Amino acid sequence: MTTFQKTFRLNNDTTIPAVGFGTYLISREDAKNAVRAAILNGYRHIDTSEVYENEEAVGAGIREGIEEASLTRGDIFVTTKLWPGHAAWGQQLKNEEQTIASFNASLERLGLDYVDLYLIHSPHGGPERLNQWRGLRELKRLGKARSIGVSNFSEKHLEEIKATGVLMPEANQIELHPWSQKPGLIAYMKENGIAPIAYSSLAPLSTWRVEPGQDSAKTAEMKISDGQLRAMAEKYSVTEAQLLLRWGVQNGYAVLPKSLNVDRMRQNIDLGGFTIDDEDLVSMRAMDRGDGLAWSIGDPTRVD
């Protein structure tokens, strides 16, 4: 097993490891050991969020992993996210002050002095989005977040920030995989220096989100493999998951695979031994089906 140490640049001072360990849907009971195991198996990028309700356990896993692997805090890239509030769910929308308070609470739960990347988790903040962005800019100014960005923002939401003439997000974490490629949004982000970070990279797999409670917009028909990805993976002597993750990295996206199985953790970061050829990349480009699958409430980029 070889770990994959490629990075992508976020700003003059910060690079993000191309393969991170995602913690969405990992329980508080499992998160500490999972994150610790990920670090011991070569992951240097850990992603969580306040809404995942596992930050305390993730932070404990980070600290244990750093100690056991004889690393320093600077060796690990940590992302967490602001939940902006959602009026349709009866939640208060966070203003600038509440954004900073939420960040400080996340930092305390993580047991860290700073994070490497802080994101607004979704555009549901509506009229408070720009105030939330002001909060993130202040956190970066204070050095509490080395880089700042957003998640699930569309071109319209990014233009809203751009129109104010302030610092643009340095990253946008969005659902990206061969079934949801978002070429227009990706082109806009490239033009504006916004790094794409891919989540749900493994959504095309028949095994993706099959456990009870792991809702998605995936239909029964979509859960049946057509064999195309399997055939490509066999060509390169890799797993389908490795193929999908390599596709993301070759397109310039950091990816966030998640597994509690140590063997699969190792496979998911072992992406350096093959390159998807141009013919297969063209075939994968033709798999695009438009909207994503990860948000059962519907595509959050349609939020006004």
C-alpha atoms as a PDB file:
ATOM      1  CA  MET A   1       0.000   0.000   0.000  1.00  0.00           C
ATOM      2  CA  THR A   2       1.271   3.437  -0.927  1.00  0.00           C
ATOM      3  CA  THR A   3      -0.308   6.682   0.229  1.00  0.00           C
ATOM      4  CA  PHE A   4      -1.018   9.443  -2.233  1.00  0.00           C
ATOM      5  CA  GLN A   5       0.569  12.735  -1.228  1.00  0.00           C
ATOM      6  CA  LYS A   6      -0.527  15.056  -4.075  1.00  0.00           C
ATOM      7  CA  THR A   7      -1.811  18.463  -2.960  1.00  0.00           C
ATOM      8  CA  PHE A   8      -3.765  21.351  -4.481  1.00  0.00           C
ATOM      9  CA  ARG A   9      -3.140  25.016  -3.650  1.00  0.00           C
ATOM     10  CA  LEU A  10      -5.806  27.063  -1.860  1.00  0.00           C
ATOM     11  CA  ASN A  11      -3.874  30.282  -1.253  1.00  0.00           C
ATOM     12  CA  ASN A  12      -0.301  31.498  -0.964  1.00  0.00           C
ATOM     13  CA  ASP A  13       0.112  29.840   2.427  1.00  0.00           C
ATOM     14  CA  THR A  14      -2.105  26.772   2.223  1.00  0.00           C
ATOM     15  CA  THR A  15      -2.254  23.556   0.223  1.00  0.00           C
ATOM     16  CA  ILE A  16      -4.892  20.859   0.647  1.00  0.00           C
ATOM     17  CA  PRO A  17      -4.050  17.143   0.418  1.00  0.00           C
ATOM     18  CA  ALA A  18      -5.752  15.604  -2.607  1.00  0.00           C
ATOM     19  CA  VAL A  19      -7.218  12.711  -0.613  1.00  0.00           C
ATOM     20  CA  GLY A  20      -8.979  13.431   2.652  1.00  0.00           C
ATOM     21  CA  PHE A  21     -10.972  11.336   5.099  1.00  0.00           C
ATOM     22  CA  GLY A  22     -14.665  12.261   5.209  1.00  0.00           C
ATOM     23  CA  THR A  23     -16.629  11.792   8.436  1.00  0.00           C
ATOM     24  CA  TYR A  24     -20.238  12.423   7.397  1.00  0.00           C
ATOM     25  CA  LEU A  25     -22.549   9.722   8.852  1.00  0.00           C
ATOM     26  CA  ILE A  26     -19.775   8.433  11.118  1.00  0.00           C
ATOM     27  CA  SER A  27     -21.202   8.302  14.627  1.00  0.00           C
ATOM     28  CA  ARG A  28     -19.623   9.882  17.675  1.00  0.00           C
ATOM     29  CA  GLU A  29     -18.968   6.355  18.927  1.00  0.00           C
ATOM     30  CA  ASP A  30     -16.973   5.396  15.826  1.00  0.00           C
ATOM     31  CA  ALA A  31     -15.397   8.700  14.799  1.00  0.00           C
ATOM     32  CA  LYS A  32     -12.396   8.763  17.149  1.00  0.00           C
ATOM     33  CA  ASN A  33     -11.099   5.332  16.169  1.00  0.00           C
ATOM     34  CA  ALA A  34     -11.899   5.894  12.487  1.00  0.00           C
ATOM     35  CA  VAL A  35      -9.986   9.185  12.296  1.00  0.00           C
ATOM     36  CA  ARG A  36      -7.091   7.762  14.302  1.00  0.00           C
ATOM     37  CA  ALA A  37      -6.912   4.766  11.940  1.00  0.00           C
ATOM     38  CA  ALA A  38      -7.087   7.047   8.899  1.00  0.00           C
ATOM     39  CA  ILE A  39      -4.114   9.094  10.108  1.00  0.00           C
ATOM     40  CA  LEU A  40      -2.123   5.959  10.938  1.00  0.00           C
ATOM     41  CA  ASN A  41      -2.812   4.725   7.394  1.00  0.00           C
ATOM     42  CA  GLY A  42      -1.533   7.838   5.672  1.00  0.00           C
ATOM     43  CA  TYR A  43      -4.408  10.340   5.572  1.00  0.00           C
ATOM     44  CA  ARG A  44      -3.307  13.900   6.258  1.00  0.00           C
ATOM     45  CA  HIS A  45      -6.646  15.613   5.565  1.00  0.00           C
ATOM     46  CA  ILE A  46      -9.692  15.210   7.842  1.00  0.00           C
ATOM     47  CA  ASP A  47     -13.111  16.699   7.033  1.00  0.00           C
ATOM     48  CA  THR A  48     -15.995  17.242   9.451  1.00  0.00           C
ATOM     49  CA  SER A  49     -18.766  19.749  10.227  1.00  0.00           C
ATOM     50  CA  GLU A  50     -20.698  21.024  13.220  1.00  0.00           C
ATOM     51  CA  VAL A  51     -23.876  19.503  11.767  1.00  0.00           C
ATOM     52  CA  TYR A  52     -22.267  16.030  11.683  1.00  0.00           C
ATOM     53  CA  GLU A  53     -22.336  16.143  15.508  1.00  0.00           C
ATOM     54  CA  ASN A  54     -19.017  14.306  15.758  1.00  0.00           C
ATOM     55  CA  GLU A  55     -16.449  17.109  16.038  1.00  0.00           C
ATOM     56  CA  GLU A  56     -15.421  16.204  19.589  1.00  0.00           C
ATOM     57  CA  ALA A  57     -14.701  12.584  18.636  1.00  0.00           C
ATOM     58  CA  VAL A  58     -13.015  13.643  15.381  1.00  0.00           C
ATOM     59  CA  GLY A  59     -10.751  15.997  17.325  1.00  0.00           C
ATOM     60  CA  ALA A  60      -9.856  13.226  19.772  1.00  0.00           C
ATOM     61  CA  GLY A  61      -9.006  10.953  16.839  1.00  0.00           C
ATOM     62  CA  ILE A  62      -6.834  13.662  15.286  1.00  0.00           C
ATOM     63  CA  ARG A  63      -4.884  14.167  18.503  1.00  0.00           C
ATOM     64  CA  GLU A  64      -4.407  10.429  19.070  1.00  0.00           C
ATOM     65  CA  GLY A  65      -3.418   9.866  15.439  1.00  0.00           C
ATOM     66  CA  ILE A  66      -0.882  12.702  15.532  1.00  0.00           C
ATOM     67  CA  GLU A  67       0.695  11.331  18.712  1.00  0.00           C
ATOM     68  CA  GLU A  68       0.839   7.693  17.586  1.00  0.00           C
ATOM     69  CA  ALA A  69       2.174   8.566  14.125  1.00  0.00           C
ATOM     70  CA  SER A  70       4.774  10.952  15.613  1.00  0.00           C
ATOM     71  CA  LEU A  71       3.381  13.880  13.622  1.00  0.00           C
ATOM     72  CA  THR A  72       2.780  17.532  14.455  1.00  0.00           C
ATOM     73  CA  ARG A  73      -0.456  19.506  14.162  1.00  0.00           C
ATOM     74  CA  GLY A  74       0.949  21.142  11.023  1.00  0.00           C
ATOM     75  CA  ASP A  75       1.087  17.757   9.298  1.00  0.00           C
ATOM     76  CA  ILE A  76      -2.724  17.382   9.357  1.00  0.00           C
ATOM     77  CA  PHE A  77      -5.151  19.467   7.298  1.00  0.00           C
ATOM     78  CA  VAL A  78      -8.463  19.893   9.159  1.00  0.00           C
ATOM     79  CA  THR A  79     -11.725  21.171   7.689  1.00  0.00           C
ATOM     80  CA  THR A  80     -14.924  21.925   9.540  1.00  0.00           C
ATOM     81  CA  LYS A  81     -18.052  23.779   8.500  1.00  0.00           C
ATOM     82  CA  LEU A  82     -20.575  26.319   9.723  1.00  0.00           C
ATOM     83  CA  TRP A  83     -24.201  25.224   9.649  1.00  0.00           C
ATOM     84  CA  PRO A  84     -25.805  28.513   8.526  1.00  0.00           C
ATOM     85  CA  GLY A  85     -29.310  27.790   9.781  1.00  0.00           C
ATOM     86  CA  HIS A  86     -32.286  26.946   7.598  1.00  0.00           C
ATOM     87  CA  ALA A  87     -35.496  28.955   7.908  1.00  0.00           C
ATOM     88  CA  ALA A  88     -37.621  26.226   6.305  1.00  0.00           C
ATOM     89  CA  TRP A  89     -36.590  23.906   9.152  1.00  0.00           C
ATOM     90  CA  GLY A  90     -37.497  26.524  11.752  1.00  0.00           C
ATOM     91  CA  GLN A  91     -33.866  27.402  12.429  1.00  0.00           C
ATOM     92  CA  GLN A  92     -32.476  30.862  13.058  1.00  0.00           C
ATOM     93  CA  LEU A  93     -30.140  32.125  10.360  1.00  0.00           C
ATOM     94  CA  LYS A  94     -26.737  32.902  11.845  1.00  0.00           C
ATOM     95  CA  ASN A  95     -25.399  36.456  11.595  1.00  0.00           C
ATOM     96  CA  GLU A  96     -21.726  37.484  11.632  1.00  0.00           C
ATOM     97  CA  GLU A  97     -21.404  37.364  15.417  1.00  0.00           C
ATOM     98  CA  GLN A  98     -23.148  33.993  15.657  1.00  0.00           C
ATOM     99  CA  THR A  99     -20.952  32.650  12.848  1.00  0.00           C
ATOM    100  CA  ILE A 100     -17.830  33.492  14.839  1.00  0.00           C
ATOM    101  CA  ALA A 101     -19.382  31.993  17.977  1.00  0.00           C
ATOM    102  CA  SER A 102     -20.220  28.785  16.080  1.00  0.00           C
ATOM    103  CA  PHE A 103     -16.660  28.558  14.835  1.00  0.00           C
ATOM    104  CA  ASN A 104     -15.253  29.000  18.323  1.00  0.00           C
ATOM    105  CA  ALA A 105     -17.568  26.259  19.604  1.00  0.00           C
ATOM    106  CA  SER A 106     -16.371  23.951  16.797  1.00  0.00           C
ATOM    107  CA  LEU A 107     -12.752  24.728  17.631  1.00  0.00           C
ATOM    108  CA  GLU A 108     -13.368  23.919  21.294  1.00  0.00           C
ATOM    109  CA  ARG A 109     -15.060  20.623  20.422  1.00  0.00           C
ATOM    110  CA  LEU A 110     -12.180  19.719  18.111  1.00  0.00           C
ATOM    111  CA  GLY A 111      -9.640  20.637  20.778  1.00  0.00           C
ATOM    112  CA  LEU A 112      -7.548  22.578  18.251  1.00  0.00           C
ATOM    113  CA  ASP A 113      -6.066  26.074  18.089  1.00  0.00           C
ATOM    114  CA  TYR A 114      -7.017  26.630  14.450  1.00  0.00           C
ATOM    115  CA  VAL A 115      -8.463  24.870  11.413  1.00  0.00           C
ATOM    116  CA  ASP A 116      -6.930  24.755   7.975  1.00  0.00           C
ATOM    117  CA  LEU A 117     -10.226  25.337   6.168  1.00  0.00           C
ATOM    118  CA  TYR A 118     -13.570  26.668   7.404  1.00  0.00           C
ATOM    119  CA  LEU A 119     -16.581  26.478   5.102  1.00  0.00           C
ATOM    120  CA  ILE A 120     -20.146  27.767   5.080  1.00  0.00           C
ATOM    121  CA  HIS A 121     -21.871  24.395   4.740  1.00  0.00           C
ATOM    122  CA  SER A 122     -24.693  25.495   2.442  1.00  0.00           C
ATOM    123  CA  PRO A 123     -26.348  28.592   0.968  1.00  0.00           C
ATOM    124  CA  HIS A 124     -29.411  28.179   3.213  1.00  0.00           C
ATOM    125  CA  GLY A 125     -28.340  31.285   5.125  1.00  0.00           C
ATOM    126  CA  GLY A 126     -30.197  33.414   2.569  1.00  0.00           C
ATOM    127  CA  PRO A 127     -30.187  37.079   3.645  1.00  0.00           C
ATOM    128  CA  GLU A 128     -27.435  36.336   6.179  1.00  0.00           C
ATOM    129  CA  ARG A 129     -25.043  34.733   3.672  1.00  0.00           C
ATOM    130  CA  LEU A 130     -22.898  37.838   3.261  1.00  0.00           C
ATOM    131  CA  ASN A 131     -22.795  38.407   7.017  1.00  0.00           C
ATOM    132  CA  GLN A 132     -21.675  34.809   7.467  1.00  0.00           C
ATOM    133  CA  TRP A 133     -18.969  35.392   4.877  1.00  0.00           C
ATOM    134  CA  ARG A 134     -17.840  38.495   6.790  1.00  0.00           C
ATOM    135  CA  GLY A 135     -17.501  36.278   9.836  1.00  0.00           C
ATOM    136  CA  LEU A 136     -15.289  33.840   7.951  1.00  0.00           C
ATOM    137  CA  ARG A 137     -13.119  36.662   6.660  1.00  0.00           C
ATOM    138  CA  GLU A 138     -12.630  37.883  10.226  1.00  0.00           C
ATOM    139  CA  LEU A 139     -11.656  34.372  11.357  1.00  0.00           C
ATOM    140  CA  LYS A 140      -9.060  34.221   8.607  1.00  0.00           C
ATOM    141  CA  ARG A 141      -7.749  37.661   9.572  1.00  0.00           C
ATOM    142  CA  LEU A 142      -7.339  36.421  13.146  1.00  0.00           C
ATOM    143  CA  GLY A 143      -5.462  33.326  11.965  1.00  0.00           C
ATOM    144  CA  LYS A 144      -8.053  30.938  13.368  1.00  0.00           C
ATOM    145  CA  ALA A 145      -8.836  29.605   9.884  1.00  0.00           C
ATOM    146  CA  ARG A 146      -5.920  29.386   7.473  1.00  0.00           C
ATOM    147  CA  SER A 147      -8.277  29.320   4.487  1.00  0.00           C
ATOM    148  CA  ILE A 148     -12.003  29.888   4.063  1.00  0.00           C
ATOM    149  CA  GLY A 149     -14.670  28.856   1.596  1.00  0.00           C
ATOM    150  CA  VAL A 150     -18.155  27.545   1.043  1.00  0.00           C
ATOM    151  CA  SER A 151     -19.962  24.319   0.269  1.00  0.00           C
ATOM    152  CA  ASN A 152     -22.894  23.618  -2.056  1.00  0.00           C
ATOM    153  CA  PHE A 153     -22.783  27.165  -3.457  1.00  0.00           C
ATOM    154  CA  SER A 154     -23.888  27.736  -7.035  1.00  0.00           C
ATOM    155  CA  GLU A 155     -22.501  30.304  -9.454  1.00  0.00           C
ATOM    156  CA  LYS A 156     -25.297  32.651  -8.375  1.00  0.00           C
ATOM    157  CA  HIS A 157     -24.273  32.424  -4.728  1.00  0.00           C
ATOM    158  CA  LEU A 158     -20.622  32.939  -5.595  1.00  0.00           C
ATOM    159  CA  GLU A 159     -21.518  35.951  -7.730  1.00  0.00           C
ATOM    160  CA  GLU A 160     -23.318  37.412  -4.722  1.00  0.00           C
ATOM    161  CA  ILE A 161     -20.002  37.433  -2.856  1.00  0.00           C
ATOM    162  CA  LYS A 162     -18.045  38.647  -5.890  1.00  0.00           C
ATOM    163  CA  ALA A 163     -20.388  41.621  -6.342  1.00  0.00           C
ATOM    164  CA  THR A 164     -19.316  42.992  -2.959  1.00  0.00           C
ATOM    165  CA  GLY A 165     -15.699  43.230  -4.136  1.00  0.00           C
ATOM    166  CA  VAL A 166     -14.297  41.302  -1.156  1.00  0.00           C
ATOM    167  CA  LEU A 167     -12.140  38.186  -0.912  1.00  0.00           C
ATOM    168  CA  MET A 168     -13.714  35.317  -2.842  1.00  0.00           C
ATOM    169  CA  PRO A 169     -14.017  31.825  -1.328  1.00  0.00           C
ATOM    170  CA  GLU A 170     -10.831  29.832  -1.708  1.00  0.00           C
ATOM    171  CA  ALA A 171     -12.759  26.556  -2.048  1.00  0.00           C
ATOM    172  CA  ASN A 172     -16.257  25.258  -2.782  1.00  0.00           C
ATOM    173  CA  GLN A 173     -16.998  21.739  -1.554  1.00  0.00           C
ATOM    174  CA  ILE A 174     -19.634  20.230  -3.855  1.00  0.00           C
ATOM    175  CA  GLU A 175     -20.912  16.869  -5.007  1.00  0.00           C
ATOM    176  CA  LEU A 176     -18.721  15.751  -7.908  1.00  0.00           C
ATOM    177  CA  HIS A 177     -18.479  12.365  -9.604  1.00  0.00           C
ATOM    178  CA  PRO A 178     -19.023  11.083 -13.159  1.00  0.00           C
ATOM    179  CA  TRP A 179     -22.804  11.225 -12.729  1.00  0.00           C
ATOM    180  CA  SER A 180     -22.726  14.863 -11.527  1.00  0.00           C
ATOM    181  CA  GLN A 181     -19.878  16.818 -13.140  1.00  0.00           C
ATOM    182  CA  LYS A 182     -21.198  20.427 -13.024  1.00  0.00           C
ATOM    183  CA  PRO A 183     -19.033  21.686 -15.926  1.00  0.00           C
ATOM    184  CA  GLY A 184     -20.467  25.217 -15.887  1.00  0.00           C
ATOM    185  CA  LEU A 185     -19.890  25.711 -12.181  1.00  0.00           C
ATOM    186  CA  ILE A 186     -16.412  24.162 -12.377  1.00  0.00           C
ATOM    187  CA  ALA A 187     -15.464  26.515 -15.228  1.00  0.00           C
ATOM    188  CA  TYR A 188     -16.710  29.528 -13.229  1.00  0.00           C
ATOM    189  CA  MET A 189     -14.740  28.410 -10.183  1.00  0.00           C
ATOM    190  CA  LYS A 190     -11.577  27.991 -12.237  1.00  0.00           C
ATOM    191  CA  GLU A 191     -11.984  31.491 -13.669  1.00  0.00           C
ATOM    192  CA  ASN A 192     -12.300  32.889 -10.149  1.00  0.00           C
ATOM    193  CA  GLY A 193      -9.561  30.871  -8.447  1.00  0.00           C
ATOM    194  CA  ILE A 194     -11.936  28.767  -6.330  1.00  0.00           C
ATOM    195  CA  ALA A 195     -10.657  25.241  -5.664  1.00  0.00           C
ATOM    196  CA  PRO A 196     -13.188  22.412  -6.074  1.00  0.00           C
ATOM    197  CA  ILE A 197     -13.415  19.850  -3.273  1.00  0.00           C
ATOM    198  CA  ALA A 198     -15.488  16.798  -4.162  1.00  0.00           C
ATOM    199  CA  TYR A 199     -17.814  14.985  -1.816  1.00  0.00           C
ATOM    200  CA  SER A 200     -19.839  11.825  -2.536  1.00  0.00           C
ATOM    201  CA  SER A 201     -17.210  10.761  -5.075  1.00  0.00           C
ATOM    202  CA  LEU A 202     -18.409   7.156  -4.756  1.00  0.00           C
ATOM    203  CA  ALA A 203     -22.105   7.847  -5.438  1.00  0.00           C
ATOM    204  CA  PRO A 204     -22.184   5.802  -8.694  1.00  0.00           C
ATOM    205  CA  LEU A 205     -21.293   2.628  -6.775  1.00  0.00           C
ATOM    206  CA  SER A 206     -24.134   0.188  -6.123  1.00  0.00           C
ATOM    207  CA  THR A 207     -22.953   0.008  -2.487  1.00  0.00           C
ATOM    208  CA  TRP A 208     -23.173   3.783  -1.849  1.00  0.00           C
ATOM    209  CA  ARG A 209     -25.553   4.745   0.980  1.00  0.00           C
ATOM    210  CA  VAL A 210     -27.430   1.472   1.233  1.00  0.00           C
ATOM    211  CA  GLU A 211     -27.697   1.452   5.036  1.00  0.00           C
ATOM    212  CA  PRO A 212     -30.972   2.462   6.753  1.00  0.00           C
ATOM    213  CA  GLY A 213     -31.165   6.207   7.366  1.00  0.00           C
ATOM    214  CA  GLN A 214     -28.622   7.089   4.676  1.00  0.00           C
ATOM    215  CA  ASP A 215     -31.112   8.891   2.470  1.00  0.00           C
ATOM    216  CA  SER A 216     -30.273  10.152  -0.995  1.00  0.00           C
ATOM    217  CA  ALA A 217     -31.972  10.932  -4.294  1.00  0.00           C
ATOM    218  CA  LYS A 218     -30.673   7.676  -5.779  1.00  0.00           C
ATOM    219  CA  THR A 219     -33.412   5.675  -7.466  1.00  0.00           C
ATOM    220  CA  ALA A 220     -33.702   1.895  -7.367  1.00  0.00           C
ATOM    221  CA  GLU A 221     -32.575   1.819 -11.005  1.00  0.00           C
ATOM    222  CA  MET A 222     -29.453   3.828 -10.167  1.00  0.00           C
ATOM    223  CA  LYS A 223     -28.495   1.290  -7.500  1.00  0.00           C
ATOM    224  CA  ILE A 224     -27.970  -1.375 -10.148  1.00  0.00           C
ATOM    225  CA  SER A 225     -24.494  -1.369 -11.705  1.00  0.00           C
ATOM    226  CA  ASP A 226     -24.292  -1.394 -15.510  1.00  0.00           C
ATOM    227  CA  GLY A 227     -20.797  -2.855 -15.309  1.00  0.00           C
ATOM    228  CA  GLN A 228     -19.067   0.006 -17.139  1.00  0.00           C
ATOM    229  CA  LEU A 229     -17.112   1.271 -14.139  1.00  0.00           C
ATOM    230  CA  ARG A 230     -16.264  -2.273 -13.112  1.00  0.00           C
ATOM    231  CA  ALA A 231     -14.812  -2.987 -16.540  1.00  0.00           C
ATOM    232  CA  MET A 232     -12.694   0.174 -16.422  1.00  0.00           C
ATOM    233  CA  ALA A 233     -11.455  -0.638 -12.928  1.00  0.00           C
ATOM    234  CA  GLU A 234     -10.463  -4.146 -14.011  1.00  0.00           C
ATOM    235  CA  LYS A 235      -8.488  -2.641 -16.883  1.00  0.00           C
ATOM    236  CA  TYR A 236      -6.304  -0.767 -14.362  1.00  0.00           C
ATOM    237  CA  SER A 237      -6.342  -3.567 -11.754  1.00  0.00           C
ATOM    238  CA  VAL A 238      -7.954  -1.287  -9.169  1.00  0.00           C
ATOM    239  CA  THR A 239     -11.280  -1.134  -7.321  1.00  0.00           C
ATOM    240  CA  GLU A 240     -14.215   0.867  -8.678  1.00  0.00           C
ATOM    241  CA  ALA A 241     -13.779   3.205  -5.704  1.00  0.00           C
ATOM    242  CA  GLN A 242     -10.137   3.822  -6.623  1.00  0.00           C
ATOM    243  CA  LEU A 243     -11.190   4.544 -10.205  1.00  0.00           C
ATOM    244  CA  LEU A 244     -13.776   7.120  -9.106  1.00  0.00           C
ATOM    245  CA  LEU A 245     -11.385   8.778  -6.678  1.00  0.00           C
ATOM    246  CA  ARG A 246      -8.618   8.913  -9.268  1.00  0.00           C
ATOM    247  CA  TRP A 247     -11.099  10.500 -11.694  1.00  0.00           C
ATOM    248  CA  GLY A 248     -11.648  13.301  -9.185  1.00  0.00           C
ATOM    249  CA  VAL A 249      -7.957  13.862  -8.535  1.00  0.00           C
ATOM    250  CA  GLN A 250      -7.115  13.856 -12.270  1.00  0.00           C
ATOM    251  CA  ASN A 251      -9.751  16.530 -12.751  1.00  0.00           C
ATOM    252  CA  GLY A 252      -8.101  18.655 -10.060  1.00  0.00           C
ATOM    253  CA  TYR A 253     -10.478  17.948  -7.163  1.00  0.00           C
ATOM    254  CA  ALA A 254      -9.564  17.001  -3.612  1.00  0.00           C
ATOM    255  CA  VAL A 255     -11.693  13.964  -2.680  1.00  0.00           C
ATOM    256  CA  LEU A 256     -13.112  12.785   0.657  1.00  0.00           C
ATOM    257  CA  PRO A 257     -13.636   9.006   0.770  1.00  0.00           C
ATOM    258  CA  LYS A 258     -15.018   7.507   3.960  1.00  0.00           C
ATOM    259  CA  SER A 259     -14.804   3.963   5.295  1.00  0.00           C
ATOM    260  CA  LEU A 260     -14.658   2.290   8.686  1.00  0.00           C
ATOM    261  CA  ASN A 261     -12.935  -0.693   7.077  1.00  0.00           C
ATOM    262  CA  VAL A 262      -9.145  -0.303   7.364  1.00  0.00           C
ATOM    263  CA  ASP A 263      -8.450  -2.281   4.188  1.00  0.00           C
ATOM    264  CA  ARG A 264     -10.738   0.024   2.201  1.00  0.00           C
ATOM    265  CA  MET A 265      -9.213   3.076   3.883  1.00  0.00           C
ATOM    266  CA  ARG A 266      -5.850   1.929   2.548  1.00  0.00           C
ATOM    267  CA  GLN A 267      -7.216   1.249  -0.938  1.00  0.00           C
ATOM    268  CA  ASN A 268      -8.894   4.654  -1.107  1.00  0.00           C
ATOM    269  CA  ILE A 269      -5.634   6.537  -0.552  1.00  0.00           C
ATOM    270  CA  ASP A 270      -3.594   4.234  -2.813  1.00  0.00           C
ATOM    271  CA  LEU A 271      -4.180   6.226  -6.005  1.00  0.00           C
ATOM    272  CA  GLY A 272      -0.676   6.844  -7.274  1.00  0.00           C
ATOM    273  CA  GLY A 273      -0.035   3.676  -9.243  1.00  0.00           C
ATOM    274  CA  PHE A 274      -2.269   4.313 -12.251  1.00  0.00           C
ATOM    275  CA  THR A 275      -3.595   7.056 -14.520  1.00  0.00           C
ATOM    276  CA  ILE A 276      -6.958   6.974 -16.294  1.00  0.00           C
ATOM    277  CA  ASP A 277      -6.286   7.265 -20.016  1.00  0.00           C
ATOM    278  CA  ASP A 278      -7.874   9.834 -22.312  1.00  0.00           C
ATOM    279  CA  GLU A 279     -10.274   7.343 -23.907  1.00  0.00           C
ATOM    280  CA  ASP A 280     -11.736   6.360 -20.565  1.00  0.00           C
ATOM    281  CA  LEU A 281     -11.913   9.976 -19.414  1.00  0.00           C
ATOM    282  CA  VAL A 282     -14.023  10.741 -22.496  1.00  0.00           C
ATOM    283  CA  SER A 283     -16.274   7.773 -21.681  1.00  0.00           C
ATOM    284  CA  MET A 284     -16.647   8.966 -18.094  1.00  0.00           C
ATOM    285  CA  ARG A 285     -17.470  12.490 -19.242  1.00  0.00           C
ATOM    286  CA  ALA A 286     -20.436  11.007 -21.131  1.00  0.00           C
ATOM    287  CA  MET A 287     -21.822   9.554 -17.875  1.00  0.00           C
ATOM    288  CA  ASP A 288     -22.907  12.994 -16.594  1.00  0.00           C
ATOM    289  CA  ARG A 289     -26.550  12.985 -15.467  1.00  0.00           C
ATOM    290  CA  GLY A 290     -26.731  16.539 -14.157  1.00  0.00           C
ATOM    291  CA  ASP A 291     -27.973  17.069 -10.610  1.00  0.00           C
ATOM    292  CA  GLY A 292     -26.405  15.368  -7.642  1.00  0.00           C
ATOM    293  CA  LEU A 293     -27.728  12.597  -5.426  1.00  0.00           C
ATOM    294  CA  ALA A 294     -26.415  13.367  -1.965  1.00  0.00           C
ATOM    295  CA  TRP A 295     -29.046  15.826  -0.734  1.00  0.00           C
ATOM    296  CA  SER A 296     -32.363  14.067  -0.190  1.00  0.00           C
ATOM    297  CA  ILE A 297     -34.013  17.467   0.364  1.00  0.00           C
ATOM    298  CA  GLY A 298     -33.216  18.387  -3.220  1.00  0.00           C
ATOM    299  CA  ASP A 299     -30.331  20.189  -4.856  1.00  0.00           C
ATOM    300  CA  PRO A 300     -29.202  22.869  -2.348  1.00  0.00           C
ATOM    301  CA  THR A 301     -27.665  24.947  -5.133  1.00  0.00           C
ATOM    302  CA  ARG A 302     -31.226  25.907  -6.098  1.00  0.00           C
ATOM    303  CA  VAL A 303     -31.644  27.822  -2.842  1.00  0.00           C
ATOM    304  CA  ASP A 304     -32.422  31.472  -3.537  1.00  0.00           C
END
